[in-house]
């Protein structure tokens, strides 16, 4: 493994190695911060993090992919520009005095694509949090580590995300989806036992530069909807509690934009619950239709799609051997998650790359993924 060679080259000592996966989410987008349901799974793409102590009062970090080196004083854990802010945030969130008790040398590597909607930042937080928990015997649960990762996103990266990404990275189980209730964090493993199906991610190659600002705006719009609907039903605490009938009754009071945002979330929760039932019945065709409906809502009501995503989904929908597809992640680009038959997967990839190249003069990356285990210690040396 290249991370081993690099760690020895730069630091020359034994180390602890952790891995944390990216995630896919089959259905249930933008529902997590509305106390709704999500259906993610950990995948076979990971962030690896090698770590060992040093005698300095420094956190020294090297990223293999970017050929970047950073050093931070242990006395000054504050947000910084760029990806190292996630490491500093995790220290701040989980260490009792908000600093490391000793200096550490860290090397980071991975194959979770950045900006593709597979939650590379959550994987980084999970890998580092698990490493700190193990190395310093903190005794934190995986849920506590996931919550620390979420707070890091909020306070160190200024992204008001829900808990799904961190939870999936830390709680993943091979061959299973996670039906997660984002209100009380209760969860159920849903078997995804379809050996003749491949989960293929088609990258629009569009960087979701608008995602952070628009993501936070969507939260505000959802909160505005809740505040209005609470006037008519005091039992409403989030969009999770909103009935379709109530929403339609007060459409005019909500205004067109807030109404559409609320309509998507209410409908998405219904689609997810129905989708879990279809999966338990091994009805992947019906589940796939819910994926298409989810994308339509993301595009029309939640307005977080883009022309490239819409083109891919509409093209994929007409292809043989495909069960369902939709935009995945925060939006404005990233990946289209697709359920394709194993026997036609290679043809599917070739055809969709050709169609996208013809339309946008760029060949999209495609990733065939397997549902895998969550974050874990790979190697531990004294």
Protein backbone atom coordinates (compact mmCIF):
# COMPACT_ATOMS: atom_id res chain seq x y z
CA UNK A 1 0.00 0.00 0.00
CA UNK A 2 1.40 3.38 -1.00
CA UNK A 3 0.42 4.99 2.29
CA UNK A 4 2.80 2.59 4.07
CA UNK A 5 5.70 3.54 1.82
CA UNK A 6 4.92 7.24 2.16
CA UNK A 7 4.60 7.12 5.93
CA UNK A 8 7.93 5.37 6.23
CA UNK A 9 9.53 7.81 3.81
CA UNK A 10 8.34 10.92 5.65
CA UNK A 11 8.15 9.78 9.27
CA UNK A 12 10.03 6.47 9.43
CA UNK A 13 8.19 4.72 12.28
CA UNK A 14 5.34 2.39 13.15
CA UNK A 15 1.82 3.70 12.83
CA UNK A 16 -1.86 3.00 13.34
CA UNK A 17 -3.95 2.71 10.17
CA UNK A 18 -7.68 3.32 9.97
CA UNK A 19 -10.09 3.26 7.03
CA UNK A 20 -13.47 4.89 6.67
CA UNK A 21 -15.69 4.52 3.60
CA UNK A 22 -17.59 6.95 1.49
CA UNK A 23 -21.28 6.29 1.12
CA UNK A 24 -24.11 6.08 -1.34
CA UNK A 25 -27.71 6.95 -0.52
CA UNK A 26 -30.26 5.04 -2.54
CA UNK A 27 -33.17 7.31 -1.69
CA UNK A 28 -34.02 9.97 0.89
CA UNK A 29 -32.15 13.14 -0.10
CA UNK A 30 -32.13 16.31 2.06
CA UNK A 31 -34.45 14.56 4.51
CA UNK A 32 -31.85 14.06 7.23
CA UNK A 33 -31.76 17.67 8.43
CA UNK A 34 -35.56 17.64 8.37
CA UNK A 35 -35.68 14.81 10.94
CA UNK A 36 -36.80 12.39 8.26
CA UNK A 37 -35.52 9.05 6.95
CA UNK A 38 -32.51 8.19 4.80
CA UNK A 39 -31.29 4.95 3.21
CA UNK A 40 -27.50 5.06 2.87
CA UNK A 41 -24.82 2.37 2.68
CA UNK A 42 -21.06 2.32 3.09
CA UNK A 43 -19.14 1.50 -0.10
CA UNK A 44 -15.82 -0.04 -1.06
CA UNK A 45 -14.06 3.34 -1.46
CA UNK A 46 -12.17 4.58 1.55
CA UNK A 47 -10.15 7.31 3.18
CA UNK A 48 -7.09 5.74 4.82
CA UNK A 49 -5.35 7.52 7.67
CA UNK A 50 -1.98 6.51 9.14
CA UNK A 51 -1.07 8.10 12.47
CA UNK A 52 1.78 7.97 14.98
CA UNK A 53 2.95 10.20 17.86
CA UNK A 54 5.83 12.68 17.63
CA UNK A 55 7.87 14.61 20.18
CA UNK A 56 6.86 18.01 18.85
CA UNK A 57 3.94 20.19 19.89
CA UNK A 58 2.63 19.82 16.33
CA UNK A 59 0.05 18.04 14.23
CA UNK A 60 1.93 17.24 11.03
CA UNK A 61 -0.21 16.17 8.09
CA UNK A 62 0.58 14.95 4.58
CA UNK A 63 -2.00 14.26 1.87
CA UNK A 64 -0.80 11.84 -0.79
CA UNK A 65 -3.27 12.83 -3.53
CA UNK A 66 -2.46 16.52 -3.31
CA UNK A 67 1.23 16.28 -2.38
CA UNK A 68 0.50 18.76 0.40
CA UNK A 69 2.10 19.12 3.83
CA UNK A 70 0.68 21.02 6.80
CA UNK A 71 1.74 21.63 10.39
CA UNK A 72 -0.46 22.99 13.15
CA UNK A 73 0.38 23.95 16.72
CA UNK A 74 -1.52 21.90 19.28
CA UNK A 75 -2.26 25.14 21.12
CA UNK A 76 -4.33 26.56 18.25
CA UNK A 77 -7.13 24.30 17.02
CA UNK A 78 -9.32 26.65 14.97
CA UNK A 79 -10.97 26.43 11.52
CA UNK A 80 -8.62 26.79 8.55
CA UNK A 81 -9.12 26.95 4.81
CA UNK A 82 -9.15 23.62 3.00
CA UNK A 83 -9.56 20.00 3.98
CA UNK A 84 -7.26 20.01 7.09
CA UNK A 85 -10.03 21.90 8.91
CA UNK A 86 -11.82 18.56 9.29
CA UNK A 87 -8.92 17.12 11.28
CA UNK A 88 -8.70 20.17 13.51
CA UNK A 89 -12.45 20.11 13.99
CA UNK A 90 -12.48 16.49 15.10
CA UNK A 91 -9.77 17.20 17.66
CA UNK A 92 -11.74 20.16 18.95
CA UNK A 93 -14.95 18.13 19.18
CA UNK A 94 -13.78 14.92 20.84
CA UNK A 95 -10.68 15.65 22.93
CA UNK A 96 -11.51 16.57 26.51
CA UNK A 97 -9.41 19.74 26.52
CA UNK A 98 -9.98 20.36 22.79
CA UNK A 99 -6.34 19.64 21.95
CA UNK A 100 -4.09 16.65 21.44
CA UNK A 101 -2.11 15.56 24.52
CA UNK A 102 0.92 14.98 22.29
CA UNK A 103 2.05 15.73 18.78
CA UNK A 104 0.95 13.44 15.96
CA UNK A 105 2.16 12.66 12.45
CA UNK A 106 -0.59 11.85 9.96
CA UNK A 107 -0.67 10.68 6.34
CA UNK A 108 -4.00 10.70 4.48
CA UNK A 109 -4.82 8.82 1.28
CA UNK A 110 -7.98 7.54 -0.33
CA UNK A 111 -10.08 6.77 -3.38
CA UNK A 112 -13.33 8.53 -2.45
CA UNK A 113 -13.73 11.14 -5.20
CA UNK A 114 -13.95 14.68 -3.88
CA UNK A 115 -17.01 16.64 -4.97
CA UNK A 116 -18.82 13.60 -6.36
CA UNK A 117 -21.42 13.28 -3.62
CA UNK A 118 -19.86 10.26 -1.89
CA UNK A 119 -19.04 12.20 1.28
CA UNK A 120 -15.26 12.22 1.27
CA UNK A 121 -15.26 14.78 4.12
CA UNK A 122 -17.40 12.53 6.33
CA UNK A 123 -15.06 9.62 5.58
CA UNK A 124 -12.07 11.76 6.58
CA UNK A 125 -13.74 12.78 9.85
CA UNK A 126 -14.71 9.18 10.57
CA UNK A 127 -11.23 7.80 9.87
CA UNK A 128 -9.54 10.43 12.04
CA UNK A 129 -12.13 10.22 14.81
CA UNK A 130 -11.78 6.44 14.98
CA UNK A 131 -7.99 6.79 15.02
CA UNK A 132 -8.07 9.27 17.91
CA UNK A 133 -10.60 7.17 19.80
CA UNK A 134 -8.45 4.06 19.48
CA UNK A 135 -5.07 5.66 20.05
CA UNK A 136 -6.02 7.68 23.12
CA UNK A 137 -8.52 5.13 24.53
CA UNK A 138 -11.32 7.68 24.63
CA UNK A 139 -14.10 5.11 24.84
CA UNK A 140 -16.42 6.98 22.48
CA UNK A 141 -19.21 5.14 20.68
CA UNK A 142 -19.55 5.21 16.92
CA UNK A 143 -22.60 7.42 17.30
CA UNK A 144 -20.59 9.90 19.36
CA UNK A 145 -17.91 9.94 16.66
CA UNK A 146 -20.57 10.51 13.98
CA UNK A 147 -22.03 13.43 15.94
CA UNK A 148 -18.54 14.91 16.34
CA UNK A 149 -18.11 14.68 12.57
CA UNK A 150 -21.42 16.45 12.03
CA UNK A 151 -20.45 19.24 14.45
CA UNK A 152 -17.13 19.56 12.62
CA UNK A 153 -19.01 20.14 9.37
CA UNK A 154 -21.19 22.75 11.10
CA UNK A 155 -18.52 24.67 12.99
CA UNK A 156 -15.29 24.12 11.05
CA UNK A 157 -16.57 23.77 7.45
CA UNK A 158 -19.69 25.95 7.71
CA UNK A 159 -21.95 23.31 6.16
CA UNK A 160 -25.17 22.70 8.10
CA UNK A 161 -25.44 19.04 7.13
CA UNK A 162 -27.48 16.29 8.71
CA UNK A 163 -26.11 13.16 10.35
CA UNK A 164 -26.48 10.69 7.46
CA UNK A 165 -22.99 10.79 5.95
CA UNK A 166 -21.07 10.34 9.18
CA UNK A 167 -23.51 7.72 10.47
CA UNK A 168 -23.26 5.64 7.31
CA UNK A 169 -19.46 5.80 7.23
CA UNK A 170 -19.22 4.55 10.81
CA UNK A 171 -22.16 2.09 10.91
CA UNK A 172 -21.97 0.51 7.45
CA UNK A 173 -22.58 -3.23 7.09
CA UNK A 174 -21.64 -5.28 4.04
CA UNK A 175 -24.64 -6.24 1.90
CA UNK A 176 -27.03 -3.98 3.79
CA UNK A 177 -28.56 -0.53 3.53
CA UNK A 178 -29.21 1.50 6.67
CA UNK A 179 -32.74 2.79 7.19
CA UNK A 180 -31.94 5.63 9.56
CA UNK A 181 -34.50 7.69 11.44
CA UNK A 182 -32.77 11.05 11.69
CA UNK A 183 -35.05 12.21 14.51
CA UNK A 184 -34.11 9.64 17.12
CA UNK A 185 -31.18 7.94 15.31
CA UNK A 186 -32.82 4.54 15.49
CA UNK A 187 -31.82 2.40 12.54
CA UNK A 188 -32.54 -0.85 10.80
CA UNK A 189 -30.35 -2.81 8.40
CA UNK A 190 -32.21 -3.54 5.17
CA UNK A 191 -30.68 -6.40 3.12
CA UNK A 192 -29.71 -5.47 -0.41
CA UNK A 193 -29.56 -8.99 -1.76
CA UNK A 194 -29.47 -8.49 -5.51
CA UNK A 195 -26.35 -10.27 -6.81
CA UNK A 196 -27.32 -9.56 -10.42
CA UNK A 197 -27.43 -5.79 -9.82
CA UNK A 198 -24.56 -3.31 -9.74
CA UNK A 199 -24.66 0.12 -8.12
CA UNK A 200 -22.99 2.38 -10.66
CA UNK A 201 -22.23 6.04 -10.02
CA UNK A 202 -21.99 8.27 -13.08
CA UNK A 203 -20.11 11.47 -12.33
CA UNK A 204 -21.43 14.57 -14.06
CA UNK A 205 -17.90 16.02 -13.67
CA UNK A 206 -19.66 19.18 -12.50
CA UNK A 207 -18.21 20.50 -9.26
CA UNK A 208 -21.03 21.41 -6.92
CA UNK A 209 -19.66 24.86 -6.11
CA UNK A 210 -23.14 26.12 -5.24
CA UNK A 211 -23.87 23.23 -2.91
CA UNK A 212 -22.75 24.78 0.39
CA UNK A 213 -24.58 28.09 0.08
CA UNK A 214 -27.68 26.59 -1.51
CA UNK A 215 -27.70 23.71 0.98
CA UNK A 216 -27.84 26.15 3.86
CA UNK A 217 -30.54 28.14 2.04
CA UNK A 218 -32.66 24.99 1.63
CA UNK A 219 -32.45 24.43 5.38
CA UNK A 220 -33.68 27.95 5.98
CA UNK A 221 -36.56 27.47 3.53
CA UNK A 222 -37.59 24.21 5.21
CA UNK A 223 -37.45 25.85 8.64
CA UNK A 224 -39.59 28.69 7.31
CA UNK A 225 -42.17 26.18 6.16
CA UNK A 226 -42.23 24.49 9.55
CA UNK A 227 -42.69 27.84 11.32
CA UNK A 228 -45.72 28.65 9.16
CA UNK A 229 -47.33 25.22 9.46
CA UNK A 230 -46.87 25.18 13.23
CA UNK A 231 -49.49 27.93 13.40
CA UNK A 232 -52.05 25.38 12.25
CA UNK A 233 -50.74 22.29 14.04
CA UNK A 234 -48.70 22.69 17.24
CA UNK A 235 -47.60 19.05 17.00
CA UNK A 236 -45.34 19.82 14.05
CA UNK A 237 -41.66 19.91 14.99
CA UNK A 238 -40.18 19.34 11.54
CA UNK A 239 -41.29 18.52 8.00
CA UNK A 240 -41.24 14.90 9.12
CA UNK A 241 -44.53 15.63 10.92
CA UNK A 242 -46.30 17.35 8.04
CA UNK A 243 -49.24 15.61 6.37
CA UNK A 244 -49.80 16.14 2.67
CA UNK A 245 -53.35 17.39 3.34
CA UNK A 246 -52.12 20.10 5.70
CA UNK A 247 -49.42 21.14 3.26
CA UNK A 248 -51.89 21.51 0.40
CA UNK A 249 -54.39 23.36 2.57
CA UNK A 250 -51.86 26.07 3.43
CA UNK A 251 -50.05 26.24 0.12
CA UNK A 252 -50.89 29.90 -0.38
CA UNK A 253 -49.56 30.91 3.05
CA UNK A 254 -46.28 29.12 2.37
CA UNK A 255 -45.62 30.85 -0.93
CA UNK A 256 -44.54 29.02 -4.08
CA UNK A 257 -40.87 28.41 -3.27
CA UNK A 258 -41.26 27.28 0.36
CA UNK A 259 -44.25 25.16 -0.63
CA UNK A 260 -42.21 23.32 -3.27
CA UNK A 261 -39.35 22.72 -0.84
CA UNK A 262 -41.76 21.29 1.72
CA UNK A 263 -43.60 19.20 -0.87
CA UNK A 264 -40.39 17.51 -1.89
CA UNK A 265 -39.37 16.58 1.66
CA UNK A 266 -42.82 15.28 2.60
CA UNK A 267 -42.94 13.20 -0.60
CA UNK A 268 -39.37 11.96 -0.24
CA UNK A 269 -40.05 10.51 3.20
CA UNK A 270 -43.06 8.66 1.79
CA UNK A 271 -40.99 7.34 -1.10
CA UNK A 272 -38.30 6.04 1.24
CA UNK A 273 -40.69 4.17 3.50
CA UNK A 274 -42.42 2.63 0.50
CA UNK A 275 -39.02 1.81 -1.00
CA UNK A 276 -37.95 -0.17 2.07
CA UNK A 277 -41.09 -2.26 1.76
CA UNK A 278 -40.36 -2.90 -1.92
CA UNK A 279 -36.80 -4.01 -1.12
CA UNK A 280 -38.06 -6.43 1.52
CA UNK A 281 -40.36 -7.83 -1.15
CA UNK A 282 -37.43 -8.05 -3.62
CA UNK A 283 -39.31 -5.70 -5.95
CA UNK A 284 -36.43 -3.71 -7.41
CA UNK A 285 -38.49 -2.49 -10.38
CA UNK A 286 -40.90 -0.65 -8.09
CA UNK A 287 -38.01 0.69 -6.03
CA UNK A 288 -36.35 2.01 -9.19
CA UNK A 289 -39.46 3.96 -10.13
CA UNK A 290 -39.27 5.69 -6.76
CA UNK A 291 -35.68 6.69 -7.55
CA UNK A 292 -36.83 8.37 -10.77
CA UNK A 293 -39.59 10.15 -8.85
CA UNK A 294 -37.03 11.30 -6.29
CA UNK A 295 -34.89 12.84 -8.99
CA UNK A 296 -37.87 14.58 -10.53
CA UNK A 297 -38.60 16.16 -7.15
CA UNK A 298 -34.98 17.17 -6.62
CA UNK A 299 -35.01 18.89 -9.99
CA UNK A 300 -38.46 20.50 -10.05
CA UNK A 301 -39.37 21.13 -6.41
CA UNK A 302 -36.10 21.29 -4.49
CA UNK A 303 -34.17 22.89 -7.37
CA UNK A 304 -30.83 21.29 -6.55
CA UNK A 305 -30.25 19.52 -9.85
CA UNK A 306 -28.46 20.88 -12.92
CA UNK A 307 -28.83 20.34 -16.69
CA UNK A 308 -26.10 17.71 -16.71
CA UNK A 309 -27.77 15.65 -13.98
CA UNK A 310 -31.16 15.92 -15.63
CA UNK A 311 -29.69 14.84 -18.97
CA UNK A 312 -28.05 11.77 -17.44
CA UNK A 313 -31.17 10.63 -15.59
CA UNK A 314 -33.45 11.12 -18.61
CA UNK A 315 -30.97 9.26 -20.83
CA UNK A 316 -30.45 6.43 -18.35
CA UNK A 317 -34.22 6.00 -17.95
CA UNK A 318 -34.47 4.97 -21.62
CA UNK A 319 -31.63 2.43 -21.45
CA UNK A 320 -32.12 -1.31 -21.15
CA UNK A 321 -31.02 -3.18 -18.07
CA UNK A 322 -31.46 -0.23 -15.69
CA UNK A 323 -33.82 -0.36 -12.73
CA UNK A 324 -33.58 3.22 -11.48
CA UNK A 325 -31.43 6.34 -11.24
CA UNK A 326 -31.33 9.72 -9.54
CA UNK A 327 -28.99 12.50 -8.52
CA UNK A 328 -27.26 11.72 -5.24
CA UNK A 329 -25.82 14.07 -2.64
CA UNK A 330 -26.19 17.77 -2.00
CA UNK A 331 -26.83 18.60 -5.62
CA UNK A 332 -25.65 20.87 -8.43
CA UNK A 333 -23.57 18.12 -9.95
CA UNK A 334 -21.85 15.17 -8.38
CA UNK A 335 -22.96 11.65 -9.21
CA UNK A 336 -26.03 9.92 -10.55
CA UNK A 337 -26.63 6.69 -8.64
CA UNK A 338 -27.87 3.93 -10.94
CA UNK A 339 -29.06 0.38 -10.40
CA UNK A 340 -27.97 -1.59 -13.47
CA UNK A 341 -28.09 -5.27 -14.30
CA UNK A 342 -24.70 -6.93 -13.88
CA UNK A 343 -24.71 -8.50 -17.34
CA UNK A 344 -25.26 -5.15 -19.06
CA UNK A 345 -23.11 -3.01 -16.76
CA UNK A 346 -20.16 -2.68 -19.15
CA UNK A 347 -22.42 -1.81 -22.07
CA UNK A 348 -24.30 0.65 -19.87
CA UNK A 349 -21.10 2.44 -18.88
CA UNK A 350 -19.87 2.64 -22.46
CA UNK A 351 -23.22 3.92 -23.75
CA UNK A 352 -23.76 6.55 -21.07
CA UNK A 353 -20.19 7.82 -21.44
CA UNK A 354 -20.71 8.08 -25.20
CA UNK A 355 -24.01 9.94 -24.84
CA UNK A 356 -22.58 12.39 -22.31
CA UNK A 357 -19.46 12.94 -24.40
CA UNK A 358 -21.64 13.74 -27.40
CA UNK A 359 -23.77 16.19 -25.40
CA UNK A 360 -21.15 17.94 -23.25
CA UNK A 361 -17.83 17.01 -24.87
CA UNK A 362 -16.55 15.37 -21.69
CA UNK A 363 -16.36 11.72 -20.68
CA UNK A 364 -17.87 11.11 -17.24
CA UNK A 365 -16.12 8.93 -14.70
CA UNK A 366 -18.14 5.87 -13.72
CA UNK A 367 -17.69 3.94 -10.49
CA UNK A 368 -19.05 0.47 -9.85
CA UNK A 369 -19.42 0.11 -6.08
CA UNK A 370 -20.06 -2.65 -3.59
CA UNK A 371 -21.88 -2.17 -0.29
CA UNK A 372 -19.20 -2.71 2.35
CA UNK A 373 -18.26 -2.44 6.01
CA UNK A 374 -18.03 0.84 7.89
CA UNK A 375 -14.96 2.49 9.44
CA UNK A 376 -12.43 0.13 11.00
CA UNK A 377 -8.88 -0.27 12.21
CA UNK A 378 -6.80 -1.79 9.42
CA UNK A 379 -3.51 -2.21 11.21
CA UNK A 380 -2.41 -1.41 14.72
CA UNK A 381 1.25 -1.34 15.70
CA UNK A 382 2.67 -0.33 19.03
